[in-house]
Amino acid sequence: MIELYSIGISEETIKNMLEVNPEIKDLSEKEIKEKVLILEKFGCFNDQIINIISSNPTFLSRTKGEILNLVKTLVDYKFRTLNILLDSNPYILNLDPFEIKNYIEKRVEQGELLEDVIDDLDSNPILFNEM
């Protein structure tokens, strides 16, 4: 948990995070750093990383593979500014790739253009909560 303090998350916020996800206390420093590095790799700035992790502490319990598969799905659908998207709705990181695919495919089957669905999700990240 030292890593959470070192990136700038306050003690009070960490206490709140532990209430939501008690597993955090069992995560190694390496596991937390790994998640931070993944967010950095996708262009997240420190303030965005703090927001994402403190808003969605369950993200820290996901495996690297789960996160990378999810992000690959987003990239495959041509989401380009992942740092802004994830900062706007950190709970996207709790989704599985099939949930995104099913949601998008359903809207396309209803006659919407794929590009329009992606633009809608990109400009309204709260729509990911419908998945």
C-alpha atoms as a PDB file:
ATOM      1  CA  MET A   1       0.000   0.000   0.000  1.00  0.00           C
ATOM      2  CA  ILE A   2       3.027   2.258   0.239  1.00  0.00           C
ATOM      3  CA  GLU A   3       2.787   2.726  -3.516  1.00  0.00           C
ATOM      4  CA  LEU A   4      -0.659   4.328  -3.099  1.00  0.00           C
ATOM      5  CA  TYR A   5       0.822   6.941  -0.766  1.00  0.00           C
ATOM      6  CA  SER A   6       3.782   7.504  -3.085  1.00  0.00           C
ATOM      7  CA  ILE A   7       1.584   8.404  -6.064  1.00  0.00           C
ATOM      8  CA  GLY A   8      -0.220  10.984  -3.940  1.00  0.00           C
ATOM      9  CA  ILE A   9      -3.358   9.314  -2.625  1.00  0.00           C
ATOM     10  CA  SER A  10      -4.243  10.644   0.815  1.00  0.00           C
ATOM     11  CA  GLU A  11      -4.584   8.483   3.894  1.00  0.00           C
ATOM     12  CA  GLU A  12      -8.283   9.331   4.160  1.00  0.00           C
ATOM     13  CA  THR A  13      -8.879   8.315   0.552  1.00  0.00           C
ATOM     14  CA  ILE A  14      -7.002   5.057   1.088  1.00  0.00           C
ATOM     15  CA  LYS A  15      -9.226   4.319   4.098  1.00  0.00           C
ATOM     16  CA  ASN A  16     -12.282   4.851   1.897  1.00  0.00           C
ATOM     17  CA  MET A  17     -10.774   2.672  -0.806  1.00  0.00           C
ATOM     18  CA  LEU A  18     -10.232  -0.136   1.711  1.00  0.00           C
ATOM     19  CA  GLU A  19     -13.910  -0.001   2.654  1.00  0.00           C
ATOM     20  CA  VAL A  20     -14.817  -0.574  -0.986  1.00  0.00           C
ATOM     21  CA  ASN A  21     -12.071  -3.099  -1.718  1.00  0.00           C
ATOM     22  CA  PRO A  22     -10.453  -4.687   1.342  1.00  0.00           C
ATOM     23  CA  GLU A  23      -8.273  -6.804  -0.982  1.00  0.00           C
ATOM     24  CA  ILE A  24      -6.057  -3.745  -1.479  1.00  0.00           C
ATOM     25  CA  LYS A  25      -4.258  -4.433   1.789  1.00  0.00           C
ATOM     26  CA  ASP A  26      -3.181  -7.840   0.435  1.00  0.00           C
ATOM     27  CA  LEU A  27      -1.787  -6.488  -2.836  1.00  0.00           C
ATOM     28  CA  SER A  28       1.959  -6.304  -3.188  1.00  0.00           C
ATOM     29  CA  GLU A  29       3.768  -3.116  -4.055  1.00  0.00           C
ATOM     30  CA  LYS A  30       4.663  -4.756  -7.377  1.00  0.00           C
ATOM     31  CA  GLU A  31       0.982  -5.438  -8.202  1.00  0.00           C
ATOM     32  CA  ILE A  32       0.012  -1.832  -7.502  1.00  0.00           C
ATOM     33  CA  LYS A  33       2.972  -0.459  -9.479  1.00  0.00           C
ATOM     34  CA  GLU A  34       1.973  -2.725 -12.361  1.00  0.00           C
ATOM     35  CA  LYS A  35      -1.508  -1.138 -12.481  1.00  0.00           C
ATOM     36  CA  VAL A  36      -0.022   2.360 -12.301  1.00  0.00           C
ATOM     37  CA  LEU A  37       2.378   1.543 -15.158  1.00  0.00           C
ATOM     38  CA  ILE A  38      -0.508   0.243 -17.267  1.00  0.00           C
ATOM     39  CA  LEU A  39      -2.353   3.536 -16.778  1.00  0.00           C
ATOM     40  CA  GLU A  40       0.798   5.492 -17.588  1.00  0.00           C
ATOM     41  CA  LYS A  41       1.275   3.422 -20.737  1.00  0.00           C
ATOM     42  CA  PHE A  42      -2.138   4.584 -21.936  1.00  0.00           C
ATOM     43  CA  GLY A  43      -1.239   8.219 -21.441  1.00  0.00           C
ATOM     44  CA  CYS A  44      -2.689   8.858 -18.008  1.00  0.00           C
ATOM     45  CA  PHE A  45      -1.123  11.693 -16.054  1.00  0.00           C
ATOM     46  CA  ASN A  46      -0.551  11.396 -12.310  1.00  0.00           C
ATOM     47  CA  ASP A  47      -3.737  13.324 -11.458  1.00  0.00           C
ATOM     48  CA  GLN A  48      -5.743  11.018 -13.728  1.00  0.00           C
ATOM     49  CA  ILE A  49      -4.142   7.939 -12.171  1.00  0.00           C
ATOM     50  CA  ILE A  50      -5.013   9.158  -8.687  1.00  0.00           C
ATOM     51  CA  ASN A  51      -8.603   9.832  -9.781  1.00  0.00           C
ATOM     52  CA  ILE A  52      -8.987   6.465 -11.507  1.00  0.00           C
ATOM     53  CA  ILE A  53      -7.562   4.426  -8.628  1.00  0.00           C
ATOM     54  CA  SER A  54      -9.256   6.344  -5.822  1.00  0.00           C
ATOM     55  CA  SER A  55     -12.629   6.380  -7.599  1.00  0.00           C
ATOM     56  CA  ASN A  56     -12.475   2.716  -8.593  1.00  0.00           C
ATOM     57  CA  PRO A  57     -10.317   0.778  -6.128  1.00  0.00           C
ATOM     58  CA  THR A  58     -11.699  -2.550  -7.389  1.00  0.00           C
ATOM     59  CA  PHE A  59      -9.601  -1.947 -10.502  1.00  0.00           C
ATOM     60  CA  LEU A  60      -6.535  -2.795  -8.418  1.00  0.00           C
ATOM     61  CA  SER A  61      -7.799  -6.349  -7.887  1.00  0.00           C
ATOM     62  CA  ARG A  62      -8.007  -7.111 -11.597  1.00  0.00           C
ATOM     63  CA  THR A  63      -5.187  -9.010 -13.210  1.00  0.00           C
ATOM     64  CA  LYS A  64      -2.827  -7.441 -15.701  1.00  0.00           C
ATOM     65  CA  GLY A  65      -4.208  -9.784 -18.371  1.00  0.00           C
ATOM     66  CA  GLU A  66      -7.803  -8.749 -17.685  1.00  0.00           C
ATOM     67  CA  ILE A  67      -6.916  -5.078 -17.938  1.00  0.00           C
ATOM     68  CA  LEU A  68      -4.864  -5.496 -21.092  1.00  0.00           C
ATOM     69  CA  ASN A  69      -7.614  -7.538 -22.779  1.00  0.00           C
ATOM     70  CA  LEU A  70     -10.141  -4.851 -21.926  1.00  0.00           C
ATOM     71  CA  VAL A  71      -7.919  -2.085 -23.243  1.00  0.00           C
ATOM     72  CA  LYS A  72      -7.176  -4.089 -26.396  1.00  0.00           C
ATOM     73  CA  THR A  73     -10.920  -4.259 -27.021  1.00  0.00           C
ATOM     74  CA  LEU A  74     -11.233  -0.486 -26.587  1.00  0.00           C
ATOM     75  CA  VAL A  75      -8.308   0.112 -28.946  1.00  0.00           C
ATOM     76  CA  ASP A  76      -9.728  -2.357 -31.486  1.00  0.00           C
ATOM     77  CA  TYR A  77     -12.922  -0.288 -31.511  1.00  0.00           C
ATOM     78  CA  LYS A  78     -10.785   2.811 -32.162  1.00  0.00           C
ATOM     79  CA  PHE A  79     -11.099   4.560 -28.824  1.00  0.00           C
ATOM     80  CA  ARG A  80      -8.090   6.844 -29.031  1.00  0.00           C
ATOM     81  CA  THR A  81      -7.873   8.983 -25.894  1.00  0.00           C
ATOM     82  CA  LEU A  82      -7.955   6.235 -23.284  1.00  0.00           C
ATOM     83  CA  ASN A  83      -6.586   8.499 -20.569  1.00  0.00           C
ATOM     84  CA  ILE A  84      -9.543  10.880 -20.907  1.00  0.00           C
ATOM     85  CA  LEU A  85     -12.053   8.057 -21.300  1.00  0.00           C
ATOM     86  CA  LEU A  86     -10.838   6.215 -18.192  1.00  0.00           C
ATOM     87  CA  ASP A  87     -10.542   9.409 -16.174  1.00  0.00           C
ATOM     88  CA  SER A  88     -14.106  10.325 -17.139  1.00  0.00           C
ATOM     89  CA  ASN A  89     -15.448   6.904 -16.121  1.00  0.00           C
ATOM     90  CA  PRO A  90     -12.953   4.789 -14.127  1.00  0.00           C
ATOM     91  CA  TYR A  91     -15.548   2.022 -13.799  1.00  0.00           C
ATOM     92  CA  ILE A  92     -14.928   1.077 -17.424  1.00  0.00           C
ATOM     93  CA  LEU A  93     -11.953  -0.822 -16.020  1.00  0.00           C
ATOM     94  CA  ASN A  94     -14.345  -3.226 -14.271  1.00  0.00           C
ATOM     95  CA  LEU A  95     -15.882  -4.382 -17.536  1.00  0.00           C
ATOM     96  CA  ASP A  96     -15.025  -7.493 -19.480  1.00  0.00           C
ATOM     97  CA  PRO A  97     -14.365  -7.263 -23.225  1.00  0.00           C
ATOM     98  CA  PHE A  98     -17.475  -9.291 -24.071  1.00  0.00           C
ATOM     99  CA  GLU A  99     -19.681  -6.726 -22.296  1.00  0.00           C
ATOM    100  CA  ILE A 100     -18.378  -3.942 -24.516  1.00  0.00           C
ATOM    101  CA  LYS A 101     -18.635  -6.085 -27.648  1.00  0.00           C
ATOM    102  CA  ASN A 102     -22.208  -7.151 -26.835  1.00  0.00           C
ATOM    103  CA  TYR A 103     -23.317  -3.579 -26.141  1.00  0.00           C
ATOM    104  CA  ILE A 104     -21.793  -2.225 -29.344  1.00  0.00           C
ATOM    105  CA  GLU A 105     -23.047  -5.128 -31.475  1.00  0.00           C
ATOM    106  CA  LYS A 106     -26.568  -4.697 -30.112  1.00  0.00           C
ATOM    107  CA  ARG A 107     -26.631  -1.022 -31.045  1.00  0.00           C
ATOM    108  CA  VAL A 108     -25.233  -1.770 -34.509  1.00  0.00           C
ATOM    109  CA  GLU A 109     -27.864  -4.482 -35.004  1.00  0.00           C
ATOM    110  CA  GLN A 110     -30.478  -1.846 -34.201  1.00  0.00           C
ATOM    111  CA  GLY A 111     -29.283   0.130 -37.203  1.00  0.00           C
ATOM    112  CA  GLU A 112     -26.697   2.491 -35.759  1.00  0.00           C
ATOM    113  CA  LEU A 113     -23.368   2.950 -37.491  1.00  0.00           C
ATOM    114  CA  LEU A 114     -20.386   1.576 -35.603  1.00  0.00           C
ATOM    115  CA  GLU A 115     -18.614   4.946 -35.790  1.00  0.00           C
ATOM    116  CA  ASP A 116     -21.662   6.669 -34.289  1.00  0.00           C
ATOM    117  CA  VAL A 117     -21.821   4.196 -31.408  1.00  0.00           C
ATOM    118  CA  ILE A 118     -18.118   4.685 -30.672  1.00  0.00           C
ATOM    119  CA  ASP A 119     -18.462   8.483 -30.877  1.00  0.00           C
ATOM    120  CA  ASP A 120     -21.457   8.306 -28.520  1.00  0.00           C
ATOM    121  CA  LEU A 121     -19.555   6.206 -25.975  1.00  0.00           C
ATOM    122  CA  ASP A 122     -16.460   8.360 -26.313  1.00  0.00           C
ATOM    123  CA  SER A 123     -18.342  11.603 -25.722  1.00  0.00           C
ATOM    124  CA  ASN A 124     -20.655  10.111 -23.054  1.00  0.00           C
ATOM    125  CA  PRO A 125     -18.516   7.671 -21.035  1.00  0.00           C
ATOM    126  CA  ILE A 126     -21.347   7.247 -18.536  1.00  0.00           C
ATOM    127  CA  LEU A 127     -23.010   5.042 -21.176  1.00  0.00           C
ATOM    128  CA  PHE A 128     -20.489   2.339 -20.271  1.00  0.00           C
ATOM    129  CA  ASN A 129     -22.470   1.920 -17.056  1.00  0.00           C
ATOM    130  CA  GLU A 130     -25.319   0.479 -19.128  1.00  0.00           C
ATOM    131  CA  MET A 131     -23.182  -2.529 -19.990  1.00  0.00           C
END
